[in-house]
Amino acid sequence: MALRTDDLRQQLKIFRWLALRGDGSVAPLMIETLTHKYKSQTLSSADERRLLGIPALLGIAARRSDEALRFLIEASDPAYWIKDPPWKLSMAGCDPTVLAGFCIQGLMRSERQEAMTLLDRFKAAPPGSVEPELARQVADAAFASAIIRDMGLERALDVMAHGDSIVLHYMQWGTTTEGKQWAQWLSEQGAGTPAP
Protein backbone atom coordinates (compact mmCIF):
# COMPACT_ATOMS: atom_id res chain seq x y z
CA MET A 1 0.00 0.00 0.00
CA ALA A 2 1.37 3.42 -0.89
CA LEU A 3 0.18 6.71 0.51
CA ARG A 4 0.17 9.60 -1.92
CA THR A 5 1.14 12.27 0.59
CA ASP A 6 4.18 13.19 2.62
CA ASP A 7 2.07 15.36 4.94
CA LEU A 8 2.16 13.57 8.29
CA ARG A 9 -1.25 14.94 9.30
CA GLN A 10 -2.82 13.53 6.16
CA GLN A 11 -1.04 10.19 6.62
CA LEU A 12 -2.40 9.90 10.15
CA LYS A 13 -5.93 10.60 8.92
CA ILE A 14 -5.56 7.82 6.37
CA PHE A 15 -4.00 5.47 8.95
CA ARG A 16 -6.87 6.19 11.35
CA TRP A 17 -9.53 5.63 8.71
CA LEU A 18 -8.01 2.33 7.60
CA ALA A 19 -7.38 1.08 11.15
CA LEU A 20 -10.92 1.92 12.27
CA ARG A 21 -12.44 0.11 9.34
CA GLY A 22 -10.49 -3.00 10.32
CA ASP A 23 -7.80 -2.90 7.63
CA GLY A 24 -4.78 -4.59 9.21
CA SER A 25 -2.81 -4.29 5.96
CA VAL A 26 -1.90 -0.71 6.89
CA ALA A 27 0.22 -1.93 9.84
CA PRO A 28 3.55 -2.28 7.97
CA LEU A 29 3.27 1.28 6.65
CA MET A 30 2.43 2.62 10.11
CA ILE A 31 5.39 0.76 11.60
CA GLU A 32 7.69 2.09 8.87
CA THR A 33 6.46 5.64 9.45
CA LEU A 34 6.97 5.39 13.20
CA THR A 35 10.34 3.65 13.18
CA HIS A 36 12.24 4.59 10.02
CA LYS A 37 10.70 7.34 7.92
CA TYR A 38 12.13 10.14 10.07
CA LYS A 39 15.32 8.36 11.14
CA SER A 40 18.03 10.82 12.25
CA GLN A 41 15.76 13.81 11.64
CA THR A 42 14.86 16.50 14.13
CA LEU A 43 11.10 16.95 14.17
CA SER A 44 8.88 19.70 15.47
CA SER A 45 7.09 19.03 18.74
CA ALA A 46 3.82 18.91 16.79
CA ASP A 47 5.14 16.18 14.47
CA GLU A 48 6.52 14.21 17.43
CA ARG A 49 3.06 14.35 19.05
CA ARG A 50 1.51 13.20 15.78
CA LEU A 51 3.89 10.24 15.56
CA LEU A 52 3.05 9.31 19.14
CA GLY A 53 -0.51 8.71 17.93
CA ILE A 54 0.61 5.85 15.69
CA PRO A 55 0.91 3.22 18.46
CA ALA A 56 -2.78 3.71 19.34
CA LEU A 57 -3.70 3.18 15.69
CA LEU A 58 -1.42 0.14 15.54
CA GLY A 59 -3.30 -1.25 18.53
CA ILE A 60 -6.56 -0.96 16.62
CA ALA A 61 -4.93 -2.58 13.58
CA ALA A 62 -3.56 -5.34 15.85
CA ARG A 63 -7.11 -6.59 16.30
CA ARG A 64 -6.57 -8.22 12.89
CA SER A 65 -2.85 -7.81 12.23
CA ASP A 66 -0.37 -10.16 13.89
CA GLU A 67 2.44 -7.95 12.55
CA ALA A 68 1.08 -4.93 14.43
CA LEU A 69 0.66 -7.06 17.55
CA ARG A 70 4.25 -8.38 17.39
CA PHE A 71 5.62 -4.88 16.86
CA LEU A 72 3.71 -3.39 19.80
CA ILE A 73 4.83 -6.18 22.11
CA GLU A 74 8.47 -5.74 21.10
CA ALA A 75 8.28 -1.93 21.21
CA SER A 76 6.72 -2.03 24.70
CA ASP A 77 10.24 -2.35 26.09
CA PRO A 78 12.25 0.91 26.34
CA ALA A 79 15.33 -1.07 25.24
CA TYR A 80 13.78 -1.34 21.77
CA TRP A 81 13.80 2.45 21.40
CA ILE A 82 17.20 2.92 23.08
CA LYS A 83 18.75 0.52 20.57
CA ASP A 84 17.09 2.11 17.55
CA PRO A 85 15.71 5.65 18.09
CA PRO A 86 13.11 6.52 15.43
CA TRP A 87 14.11 10.19 15.12
CA LYS A 88 16.20 12.67 17.08
CA LEU A 89 14.06 12.85 20.19
CA SER A 90 13.77 16.50 21.11
CA MET A 91 10.36 17.05 22.66
CA ALA A 92 10.46 17.45 26.41
CA GLY A 93 9.17 14.24 27.93
CA CYS A 94 9.58 12.19 24.74
CA ASP A 95 12.14 9.48 25.40
CA PRO A 96 12.45 5.70 24.98
CA THR A 97 10.37 5.07 28.11
CA VAL A 98 7.56 7.29 26.85
CA LEU A 99 7.66 5.63 23.42
CA ALA A 100 7.42 2.21 25.07
CA GLY A 101 4.53 3.46 27.18
CA PHE A 102 2.62 4.65 24.13
CA CYS A 103 3.12 1.19 22.61
CA ILE A 104 1.78 -0.47 25.77
CA GLN A 105 -1.24 1.82 25.67
CA GLY A 106 -1.71 1.08 21.96
CA LEU A 107 -1.50 -2.64 22.64
CA MET A 108 -4.52 -2.37 24.96
CA ARG A 109 -6.64 -1.20 22.02
CA SER A 110 -6.12 -4.58 20.40
CA GLU A 111 -8.04 -6.34 23.17
CA ARG A 112 -5.92 -9.40 22.39
CA GLN A 113 -4.91 -11.86 25.10
CA GLU A 114 -1.25 -10.94 24.60
CA ALA A 115 -2.05 -7.41 25.80
CA MET A 116 -3.54 -8.71 29.03
CA THR A 117 -0.58 -11.05 29.47
CA LEU A 118 1.78 -8.06 29.26
CA LEU A 119 -0.27 -6.14 31.85
CA ASP A 120 -0.26 -9.19 34.13
CA ARG A 121 3.52 -9.49 33.77
CA PHE A 122 3.97 -5.86 34.81
CA LYS A 123 1.52 -6.24 37.69
CA ALA A 124 3.52 -9.21 38.99
CA ALA A 125 6.80 -7.24 38.93
CA PRO A 126 8.46 -6.86 42.34
CA PRO A 127 8.06 -3.48 44.09
CA GLY A 128 10.49 -0.88 42.77
CA SER A 129 11.46 -2.92 39.71
CA VAL A 130 9.58 -0.88 37.08
CA GLU A 131 10.91 2.58 36.26
CA PRO A 132 8.34 5.10 37.61
CA GLU A 133 7.56 6.77 34.27
CA LEU A 134 6.99 3.39 32.63
CA ALA A 135 4.87 2.32 35.61
CA ARG A 136 2.63 5.37 35.09
CA GLN A 137 2.29 4.48 31.40
CA VAL A 138 1.40 0.88 32.32
CA ALA A 139 -1.28 2.02 34.78
CA ASP A 140 -2.69 4.37 32.13
CA ALA A 141 -2.80 1.37 29.78
CA ALA A 142 -4.68 -0.63 32.41
CA PHE A 143 -7.23 2.18 32.63
CA ALA A 144 -7.55 2.27 28.82
CA SER A 145 -8.03 -1.49 28.78
CA ALA A 146 -10.78 -1.23 31.40
CA ILE A 147 -12.80 1.42 29.59
CA ILE A 148 -12.44 -0.39 26.27
CA ARG A 149 -13.60 -3.59 27.96
CA ASP A 150 -16.53 -1.84 29.65
CA MET A 151 -17.65 0.46 26.81
CA GLY A 152 -16.41 -1.10 23.62
CA LEU A 153 -13.69 0.39 21.44
CA GLU A 154 -15.69 3.04 19.60
CA ARG A 155 -17.26 4.60 22.70
CA ALA A 156 -13.98 4.33 24.64
CA LEU A 157 -12.12 6.16 21.86
CA ASP A 158 -14.67 8.97 22.11
CA VAL A 159 -14.13 9.17 25.87
CA MET A 160 -10.33 9.13 25.51
CA ALA A 161 -10.49 11.98 22.99
CA HIS A 162 -12.18 14.39 25.42
CA GLY A 163 -10.25 15.67 28.42
CA ASP A 164 -13.18 16.33 30.76
CA SER A 165 -14.79 13.01 29.99
CA ILE A 166 -11.63 10.97 30.46
CA VAL A 167 -10.90 12.62 33.81
CA LEU A 168 -14.39 11.75 35.05
CA HIS A 169 -14.06 8.13 33.90
CA TYR A 170 -10.58 7.88 35.39
CA MET A 171 -11.82 9.12 38.75
CA GLN A 172 -14.66 6.58 38.65
CA TRP A 173 -12.25 3.80 37.70
CA GLY A 174 -10.01 4.81 40.61
CA THR A 175 -12.81 3.88 43.03
CA THR A 176 -13.16 0.35 41.64
CA THR A 177 -11.28 -2.65 43.01
CA GLU A 178 -9.26 -2.79 39.79
CA GLY A 179 -8.38 0.91 39.95
CA LYS A 180 -7.37 0.65 43.61
CA GLN A 181 -5.14 -2.35 42.85
CA TRP A 182 -3.35 -0.40 40.12
CA ALA A 183 -2.97 2.64 42.43
CA GLN A 184 -1.38 0.35 45.03
CA TRP A 185 0.92 -1.12 42.36
CA LEU A 186 1.97 2.38 41.31
CA SER A 187 2.77 3.27 44.88
CA GLU A 188 4.87 0.11 45.22
CA GLN A 189 6.76 1.08 42.04
CA GLY A 190 7.44 4.56 43.47
CA ALA A 191 5.31 6.22 40.80
CA GLY A 192 2.38 7.72 42.72
CA THR A 193 -0.93 7.72 40.86
CA PRO A 194 -1.52 7.53 37.09
CA ALA A 195 -2.68 10.52 35.07
CA PRO A 196 -5.72 10.10 32.82
C-alpha atoms as a PDB file:
ATOM      1  CA  MET A   1       0.000   0.000   0.000  1.00  0.00           C
ATOM      2  CA  ALA A   2       1.370   3.424  -0.886  1.00  0.00           C
ATOM      3  CA  LEU A   3       0.180   6.711   0.509  1.00  0.00           C
ATOM      4  CA  ARG A   4       0.171   9.601  -1.915  1.00  0.00           C
ATOM      5  CA  THR A   5       1.138  12.267   0.593  1.00  0.00           C
ATOM      6  CA  ASP A   6       4.185  13.194   2.623  1.00  0.00           C
ATOM      7  CA  ASP A   7       2.069  15.359   4.937  1.00  0.00           C
ATOM      8  CA  LEU A   8       2.156  13.573   8.291  1.00  0.00           C
ATOM      9  CA  ARG A   9      -1.252  14.942   9.300  1.00  0.00           C
ATOM     10  CA  GLN A  10      -2.820  13.525   6.161  1.00  0.00           C
ATOM     11  CA  GLN A  11      -1.039  10.194   6.620  1.00  0.00           C
ATOM     12  CA  LEU A  12      -2.398   9.896  10.146  1.00  0.00           C
ATOM     13  CA  LYS A  13      -5.927  10.603   8.922  1.00  0.00           C
ATOM     14  CA  ILE A  14      -5.556   7.824   6.366  1.00  0.00           C
ATOM     15  CA  PHE A  15      -3.999   5.470   8.948  1.00  0.00           C
ATOM     16  CA  ARG A  16      -6.870   6.194  11.352  1.00  0.00           C
ATOM     17  CA  TRP A  17      -9.533   5.630   8.714  1.00  0.00           C
ATOM     18  CA  LEU A  18      -8.005   2.328   7.602  1.00  0.00           C
ATOM     19  CA  ALA A  19      -7.383   1.077  11.147  1.00  0.00           C
ATOM     20  CA  LEU A  20     -10.917   1.920  12.273  1.00  0.00           C
ATOM     21  CA  ARG A  21     -12.443   0.113   9.337  1.00  0.00           C
ATOM     22  CA  GLY A  22     -10.488  -3.003  10.319  1.00  0.00           C
ATOM     23  CA  ASP A  23      -7.803  -2.903   7.628  1.00  0.00           C
ATOM     24  CA  GLY A  24      -4.777  -4.591   9.211  1.00  0.00           C
ATOM     25  CA  SER A  25      -2.813  -4.292   5.958  1.00  0.00           C
ATOM     26  CA  VAL A  26      -1.897  -0.706   6.888  1.00  0.00           C
ATOM     27  CA  ALA A  27       0.217  -1.930   9.844  1.00  0.00           C
ATOM     28  CA  PRO A  28       3.547  -2.281   7.967  1.00  0.00           C
ATOM     29  CA  LEU A  29       3.272   1.277   6.655  1.00  0.00           C
ATOM     30  CA  MET A  30       2.427   2.621  10.115  1.00  0.00           C
ATOM     31  CA  ILE A  31       5.394   0.757  11.602  1.00  0.00           C
ATOM     32  CA  GLU A  32       7.693   2.086   8.870  1.00  0.00           C
ATOM     33  CA  THR A  33       6.457   5.641   9.449  1.00  0.00           C
ATOM     34  CA  LEU A  34       6.969   5.394  13.203  1.00  0.00           C
ATOM     35  CA  THR A  35      10.341   3.650  13.182  1.00  0.00           C
ATOM     36  CA  HIS A  36      12.245   4.589  10.023  1.00  0.00           C
ATOM     37  CA  LYS A  37      10.702   7.337   7.917  1.00  0.00           C
ATOM     38  CA  TYR A  38      12.125  10.137  10.075  1.00  0.00           C
ATOM     39  CA  LYS A  39      15.322   8.360  11.138  1.00  0.00           C
ATOM     40  CA  SER A  40      18.031  10.819  12.254  1.00  0.00           C
ATOM     41  CA  GLN A  41      15.757  13.811  11.639  1.00  0.00           C
ATOM     42  CA  THR A  42      14.855  16.497  14.133  1.00  0.00           C
ATOM     43  CA  LEU A  43      11.096  16.946  14.173  1.00  0.00           C
ATOM     44  CA  SER A  44       8.877  19.699  15.466  1.00  0.00           C
ATOM     45  CA  SER A  45       7.090  19.027  18.736  1.00  0.00           C
ATOM     46  CA  ALA A  46       3.819  18.913  16.785  1.00  0.00           C
ATOM     47  CA  ASP A  47       5.137  16.181  14.473  1.00  0.00           C
ATOM     48  CA  GLU A  48       6.521  14.215  17.432  1.00  0.00           C
ATOM     49  CA  ARG A  49       3.064  14.349  19.049  1.00  0.00           C
ATOM     50  CA  ARG A  50       1.509  13.199  15.783  1.00  0.00           C
ATOM     51  CA  LEU A  51       3.888  10.244  15.556  1.00  0.00           C
ATOM     52  CA  LEU A  52       3.049   9.305  19.144  1.00  0.00           C
ATOM     53  CA  GLY A  53      -0.512   8.712  17.931  1.00  0.00           C
ATOM     54  CA  ILE A  54       0.607   5.853  15.686  1.00  0.00           C
ATOM     55  CA  PRO A  55       0.909   3.218  18.460  1.00  0.00           C
ATOM     56  CA  ALA A  56      -2.779   3.710  19.337  1.00  0.00           C
ATOM     57  CA  LEU A  57      -3.700   3.176  15.691  1.00  0.00           C
ATOM     58  CA  LEU A  58      -1.424   0.138  15.542  1.00  0.00           C
ATOM     59  CA  GLY A  59      -3.300  -1.248  18.526  1.00  0.00           C
ATOM     60  CA  ILE A  60      -6.556  -0.959  16.624  1.00  0.00           C
ATOM     61  CA  ALA A  61      -4.929  -2.577  13.579  1.00  0.00           C
ATOM     62  CA  ALA A  62      -3.562  -5.336  15.852  1.00  0.00           C
ATOM     63  CA  ARG A  63      -7.105  -6.592  16.304  1.00  0.00           C
ATOM     64  CA  ARG A  64      -6.567  -8.221  12.892  1.00  0.00           C
ATOM     65  CA  SER A  65      -2.852  -7.811  12.234  1.00  0.00           C
ATOM     66  CA  ASP A  66      -0.371 -10.156  13.887  1.00  0.00           C
ATOM     67  CA  GLU A  67       2.440  -7.954  12.553  1.00  0.00           C
ATOM     68  CA  ALA A  68       1.077  -4.931  14.433  1.00  0.00           C
ATOM     69  CA  LEU A  69       0.659  -7.063  17.548  1.00  0.00           C
ATOM     70  CA  ARG A  70       4.246  -8.383  17.388  1.00  0.00           C
ATOM     71  CA  PHE A  71       5.620  -4.882  16.860  1.00  0.00           C
ATOM     72  CA  LEU A  72       3.707  -3.391  19.795  1.00  0.00           C
ATOM     73  CA  ILE A  73       4.825  -6.177  22.115  1.00  0.00           C
ATOM     74  CA  GLU A  74       8.472  -5.742  21.101  1.00  0.00           C
ATOM     75  CA  ALA A  75       8.283  -1.926  21.209  1.00  0.00           C
ATOM     76  CA  SER A  76       6.717  -2.029  24.696  1.00  0.00           C
ATOM     77  CA  ASP A  77      10.239  -2.349  26.092  1.00  0.00           C
ATOM     78  CA  PRO A  78      12.248   0.909  26.339  1.00  0.00           C
ATOM     79  CA  ALA A  79      15.333  -1.072  25.238  1.00  0.00           C
ATOM     80  CA  TYR A  80      13.782  -1.343  21.768  1.00  0.00           C
ATOM     81  CA  TRP A  81      13.800   2.452  21.403  1.00  0.00           C
ATOM     82  CA  ILE A  82      17.196   2.918  23.080  1.00  0.00           C
ATOM     83  CA  LYS A  83      18.750   0.523  20.569  1.00  0.00           C
ATOM     84  CA  ASP A  84      17.092   2.109  17.547  1.00  0.00           C
ATOM     85  CA  PRO A  85      15.709   5.647  18.089  1.00  0.00           C
ATOM     86  CA  PRO A  86      13.107   6.515  15.429  1.00  0.00           C
ATOM     87  CA  TRP A  87      14.106  10.187  15.119  1.00  0.00           C
ATOM     88  CA  LYS A  88      16.197  12.670  17.080  1.00  0.00           C
ATOM     89  CA  LEU A  89      14.063  12.851  20.192  1.00  0.00           C
ATOM     90  CA  SER A  90      13.768  16.502  21.105  1.00  0.00           C
ATOM     91  CA  MET A  91      10.358  17.047  22.663  1.00  0.00           C
ATOM     92  CA  ALA A  92      10.463  17.450  26.411  1.00  0.00           C
ATOM     93  CA  GLY A  93       9.175  14.239  27.926  1.00  0.00           C
ATOM     94  CA  CYS A  94       9.585  12.194  24.736  1.00  0.00           C
ATOM     95  CA  ASP A  95      12.143   9.481  25.397  1.00  0.00           C
ATOM     96  CA  PRO A  96      12.447   5.696  24.982  1.00  0.00           C
ATOM     97  CA  THR A  97      10.373   5.066  28.111  1.00  0.00           C
ATOM     98  CA  VAL A  98       7.557   7.287  26.855  1.00  0.00           C
ATOM     99  CA  LEU A  99       7.657   5.632  23.420  1.00  0.00           C
ATOM    100  CA  ALA A 100       7.418   2.210  25.074  1.00  0.00           C
ATOM    101  CA  GLY A 101       4.528   3.458  27.184  1.00  0.00           C
ATOM    102  CA  PHE A 102       2.619   4.647  24.130  1.00  0.00           C
ATOM    103  CA  CYS A 103       3.124   1.187  22.615  1.00  0.00           C
ATOM    104  CA  ILE A 104       1.783  -0.470  25.771  1.00  0.00           C
ATOM    105  CA  GLN A 105      -1.237   1.819  25.665  1.00  0.00           C
ATOM    106  CA  GLY A 106      -1.705   1.076  21.963  1.00  0.00           C
ATOM    107  CA  LEU A 107      -1.505  -2.636  22.643  1.00  0.00           C
ATOM    108  CA  MET A 108      -4.521  -2.369  24.957  1.00  0.00           C
ATOM    109  CA  ARG A 109      -6.644  -1.199  22.022  1.00  0.00           C
ATOM    110  CA  SER A 110      -6.118  -4.582  20.397  1.00  0.00           C
ATOM    111  CA  GLU A 111      -8.043  -6.344  23.175  1.00  0.00           C
ATOM    112  CA  ARG A 112      -5.917  -9.401  22.394  1.00  0.00           C
ATOM    113  CA  GLN A 113      -4.913 -11.863  25.098  1.00  0.00           C
ATOM    114  CA  GLU A 114      -1.245 -10.939  24.598  1.00  0.00           C
ATOM    115  CA  ALA A 115      -2.053  -7.413  25.796  1.00  0.00           C
ATOM    116  CA  MET A 116      -3.535  -8.708  29.027  1.00  0.00           C
ATOM    117  CA  THR A 117      -0.580 -11.053  29.473  1.00  0.00           C
ATOM    118  CA  LEU A 118       1.777  -8.063  29.257  1.00  0.00           C
ATOM    119  CA  LEU A 119      -0.268  -6.144  31.852  1.00  0.00           C
ATOM    120  CA  ASP A 120      -0.261  -9.187  34.134  1.00  0.00           C
ATOM    121  CA  ARG A 121       3.518  -9.487  33.773  1.00  0.00           C
ATOM    122  CA  PHE A 122       3.974  -5.862  34.807  1.00  0.00           C
ATOM    123  CA  LYS A 123       1.520  -6.238  37.686  1.00  0.00           C
ATOM    124  CA  ALA A 124       3.525  -9.213  38.993  1.00  0.00           C
ATOM    125  CA  ALA A 125       6.800  -7.241  38.931  1.00  0.00           C
ATOM    126  CA  PRO A 126       8.457  -6.862  42.342  1.00  0.00           C
ATOM    127  CA  PRO A 127       8.059  -3.481  44.086  1.00  0.00           C
ATOM    128  CA  GLY A 128      10.492  -0.881  42.774  1.00  0.00           C
ATOM    129  CA  SER A 129      11.458  -2.925  39.706  1.00  0.00           C
ATOM    130  CA  VAL A 130       9.578  -0.884  37.078  1.00  0.00           C
ATOM    131  CA  GLU A 131      10.910   2.579  36.256  1.00  0.00           C
ATOM    132  CA  PRO A 132       8.341   5.103  37.610  1.00  0.00           C
ATOM    133  CA  GLU A 133       7.558   6.766  34.268  1.00  0.00           C
ATOM    134  CA  LEU A 134       6.994   3.388  32.629  1.00  0.00           C
ATOM    135  CA  ALA A 135       4.869   2.316  35.610  1.00  0.00           C
ATOM    136  CA  ARG A 136       2.625   5.370  35.086  1.00  0.00           C
ATOM    137  CA  GLN A 137       2.285   4.476  31.405  1.00  0.00           C
ATOM    138  CA  VAL A 138       1.397   0.876  32.318  1.00  0.00           C
ATOM    139  CA  ALA A 139      -1.277   2.016  34.775  1.00  0.00           C
ATOM    140  CA  ASP A 140      -2.695   4.367  32.129  1.00  0.00           C
ATOM    141  CA  ALA A 141      -2.796   1.372  29.780  1.00  0.00           C
ATOM    142  CA  ALA A 142      -4.679  -0.634  32.414  1.00  0.00           C
ATOM    143  CA  PHE A 143      -7.233   2.182  32.625  1.00  0.00           C
ATOM    144  CA  ALA A 144      -7.554   2.274  28.820  1.00  0.00           C
ATOM    145  CA  SER A 145      -8.032  -1.489  28.781  1.00  0.00           C
ATOM    146  CA  ALA A 146     -10.778  -1.226  31.403  1.00  0.00           C
ATOM    147  CA  ILE A 147     -12.796   1.422  29.594  1.00  0.00           C
ATOM    148  CA  ILE A 148     -12.444  -0.393  26.268  1.00  0.00           C
ATOM    149  CA  ARG A 149     -13.602  -3.593  27.957  1.00  0.00           C
ATOM    150  CA  ASP A 150     -16.527  -1.835  29.651  1.00  0.00           C
ATOM    151  CA  MET A 151     -17.652   0.458  26.810  1.00  0.00           C
ATOM    152  CA  GLY A 152     -16.406  -1.097  23.619  1.00  0.00           C
ATOM    153  CA  LEU A 153     -13.691   0.395  21.442  1.00  0.00           C
ATOM    154  CA  GLU A 154     -15.687   3.041  19.597  1.00  0.00           C
ATOM    155  CA  ARG A 155     -17.257   4.595  22.702  1.00  0.00           C
ATOM    156  CA  ALA A 156     -13.981   4.333  24.640  1.00  0.00           C
ATOM    157  CA  LEU A 157     -12.118   6.162  21.858  1.00  0.00           C
ATOM    158  CA  ASP A 158     -14.671   8.973  22.108  1.00  0.00           C
ATOM    159  CA  VAL A 159     -14.130   9.175  25.865  1.00  0.00           C
ATOM    160  CA  MET A 160     -10.329   9.127  25.509  1.00  0.00           C
ATOM    161  CA  ALA A 161     -10.493  11.977  22.992  1.00  0.00           C
ATOM    162  CA  HIS A 162     -12.183  14.385  25.415  1.00  0.00           C
ATOM    163  CA  GLY A 163     -10.253  15.671  28.417  1.00  0.00           C
ATOM    164  CA  ASP A 164     -13.180  16.329  30.764  1.00  0.00           C
ATOM    165  CA  SER A 165     -14.792  13.007  29.995  1.00  0.00           C
ATOM    166  CA  ILE A 166     -11.630  10.973  30.461  1.00  0.00           C
ATOM    167  CA  VAL A 167     -10.902  12.617  33.814  1.00  0.00           C
ATOM    168  CA  LEU A 168     -14.390  11.746  35.047  1.00  0.00           C
ATOM    169  CA  HIS A 169     -14.062   8.130  33.901  1.00  0.00           C
ATOM    170  CA  TYR A 170     -10.578   7.883  35.389  1.00  0.00           C
ATOM    171  CA  MET A 171     -11.824   9.122  38.745  1.00  0.00           C
ATOM    172  CA  GLN A 172     -14.657   6.584  38.647  1.00  0.00           C
ATOM    173  CA  TRP A 173     -12.245   3.796  37.696  1.00  0.00           C
ATOM    174  CA  GLY A 174     -10.013   4.808  40.609  1.00  0.00           C
ATOM    175  CA  THR A 175     -12.809   3.880  43.032  1.00  0.00           C
ATOM    176  CA  THR A 176     -13.159   0.348  41.639  1.00  0.00           C
ATOM    177  CA  THR A 177     -11.284  -2.651  43.007  1.00  0.00           C
ATOM    178  CA  GLU A 178      -9.260  -2.785  39.787  1.00  0.00           C
ATOM    179  CA  GLY A 179      -8.381   0.911  39.950  1.00  0.00           C
ATOM    180  CA  LYS A 180      -7.366   0.651  43.608  1.00  0.00           C
ATOM    181  CA  GLN A 181      -5.143  -2.345  42.850  1.00  0.00           C
ATOM    182  CA  TRP A 182      -3.347  -0.401  40.122  1.00  0.00           C
ATOM    183  CA  ALA A 183      -2.965   2.638  42.434  1.00  0.00           C
ATOM    184  CA  GLN A 184      -1.377   0.349  45.028  1.00  0.00           C
ATOM    185  CA  TRP A 185       0.918  -1.123  42.356  1.00  0.00           C
ATOM    186  CA  LEU A 186       1.968   2.385  41.307  1.00  0.00           C
ATOM    187  CA  SER A 187       2.771   3.270  44.876  1.00  0.00           C
ATOM    188  CA  GLU A 188       4.869   0.110  45.217  1.00  0.00           C
ATOM    189  CA  GLN A 189       6.758   1.077  42.043  1.00  0.00           C
ATOM    190  CA  GLY A 190       7.440   4.557  43.467  1.00  0.00           C
ATOM    191  CA  ALA A 191       5.313   6.221  40.804  1.00  0.00           C
ATOM    192  CA  GLY A 192       2.379   7.723  42.723  1.00  0.00           C
ATOM    193  CA  THR A 193      -0.925   7.719  40.859  1.00  0.00           C
ATOM    194  CA  PRO A 194      -1.523   7.526  37.092  1.00  0.00           C
ATOM    195  CA  ALA A 195      -2.681  10.518  35.075  1.00  0.00           C
ATOM    196  CA  PRO A 196      -5.715  10.096  32.824  1.00  0.00           C
END
